[in-house]
């Protein structure tokens, strides 16, 4: 579970940095989309960990 949480947080930070570099400003919409993507990825990572 900790691995999935660390993966989700890392993905959120990376996604936010990438969007900031791309748009040269932090936009709430991009932060929320990064949060949603990282949550989905974290859940998928956890499910794969439990299955295998």
C-alpha atoms as a PDB file:
ATOM      1  CA  UNK A   1       0.000   0.000   0.000  1.00  0.00           C
ATOM      2  CA  UNK A   2       2.846   2.381   0.787  1.00  0.00           C
ATOM      3  CA  UNK A   3       4.347   1.700  -2.649  1.00  0.00           C
ATOM      4  CA  UNK A   4       1.093   2.659  -4.373  1.00  0.00           C
ATOM      5  CA  UNK A   5       0.834   5.830  -2.279  1.00  0.00           C
ATOM      6  CA  UNK A   6       4.412   6.847  -3.063  1.00  0.00           C
ATOM      7  CA  UNK A   7       3.802   6.144  -6.762  1.00  0.00           C
ATOM      8  CA  UNK A   8       0.638   8.281  -6.768  1.00  0.00           C
ATOM      9  CA  UNK A   9       2.321  11.205  -4.997  1.00  0.00           C
ATOM     10  CA  UNK A  10       5.334  11.025  -7.315  1.00  0.00           C
ATOM     11  CA  UNK A  11       3.090  10.931 -10.366  1.00  0.00           C
ATOM     12  CA  UNK A  12       1.112  13.948  -9.114  1.00  0.00           C
ATOM     13  CA  UNK A  13       4.268  15.968  -8.525  1.00  0.00           C
ATOM     14  CA  UNK A  14       5.682  15.016 -11.930  1.00  0.00           C
ATOM     15  CA  UNK A  15       2.409  15.769 -13.700  1.00  0.00           C
ATOM     16  CA  UNK A  16       2.161  19.170 -11.995  1.00  0.00           C
ATOM     17  CA  UNK A  17       5.763  20.087 -12.839  1.00  0.00           C
ATOM     18  CA  UNK A  18       5.253  19.008 -16.467  1.00  0.00           C
ATOM     19  CA  UNK A  19       2.089  21.129 -16.788  1.00  0.00           C
ATOM     20  CA  UNK A  20       3.794  24.105 -15.142  1.00  0.00           C
ATOM     21  CA  UNK A  21       6.704  23.914 -17.585  1.00  0.00           C
ATOM     22  CA  UNK A  22       4.324  23.468 -20.521  1.00  0.00           C
ATOM     23  CA  UNK A  23       1.983  26.382 -19.666  1.00  0.00           C
ATOM     24  CA  UNK A  24       4.389  28.623 -17.685  1.00  0.00           C
ATOM     25  CA  UNK A  25       1.799  28.990 -14.903  1.00  0.00           C
ATOM     26  CA  UNK A  26      -0.102  26.841 -12.447  1.00  0.00           C
ATOM     27  CA  UNK A  27      -3.729  26.451 -13.450  1.00  0.00           C
ATOM     28  CA  UNK A  28      -6.243  24.902 -11.067  1.00  0.00           C
ATOM     29  CA  UNK A  29      -7.685  22.786 -13.877  1.00  0.00           C
ATOM     30  CA  UNK A  30      -4.287  21.190 -14.581  1.00  0.00           C
ATOM     31  CA  UNK A  31      -3.653  20.510 -10.900  1.00  0.00           C
ATOM     32  CA  UNK A  32      -7.031  18.799 -10.515  1.00  0.00           C
ATOM     33  CA  UNK A  33      -6.468  16.697 -13.647  1.00  0.00           C
ATOM     34  CA  UNK A  34      -3.044  15.683 -12.320  1.00  0.00           C
ATOM     35  CA  UNK A  35      -4.599  14.733  -8.995  1.00  0.00           C
ATOM     36  CA  UNK A  36      -7.265  12.639 -10.700  1.00  0.00           C
ATOM     37  CA  UNK A  37      -4.713  10.888 -12.917  1.00  0.00           C
ATOM     38  CA  UNK A  38      -2.437  10.135  -9.984  1.00  0.00           C
ATOM     39  CA  UNK A  39      -5.324   8.734  -7.943  1.00  0.00           C
ATOM     40  CA  UNK A  40      -6.344   6.409 -10.774  1.00  0.00           C
ATOM     41  CA  UNK A  41      -2.732   5.321 -11.270  1.00  0.00           C
ATOM     42  CA  UNK A  42      -2.268   4.719  -7.543  1.00  0.00           C
ATOM     43  CA  UNK A  43      -5.384   2.558  -7.358  1.00  0.00           C
ATOM     44  CA  UNK A  44      -4.323   0.621 -10.468  1.00  0.00           C
ATOM     45  CA  UNK A  45      -0.849   0.106  -8.981  1.00  0.00           C
ATOM     46  CA  UNK A  46      -2.378  -1.195  -5.749  1.00  0.00           C
ATOM     47  CA  UNK A  47      -4.759  -3.543  -7.590  1.00  0.00           C
ATOM     48  CA  UNK A  48      -1.880  -4.943  -9.665  1.00  0.00           C
ATOM     49  CA  UNK A  49       0.144  -5.422  -6.474  1.00  0.00           C
ATOM     50  CA  UNK A  50      -2.694  -7.322  -4.815  1.00  0.00           C
ATOM     51  CA  UNK A  51      -3.360  -9.518  -7.869  1.00  0.00           C
ATOM     52  CA  UNK A  52       0.263 -10.448  -8.459  1.00  0.00           C
END
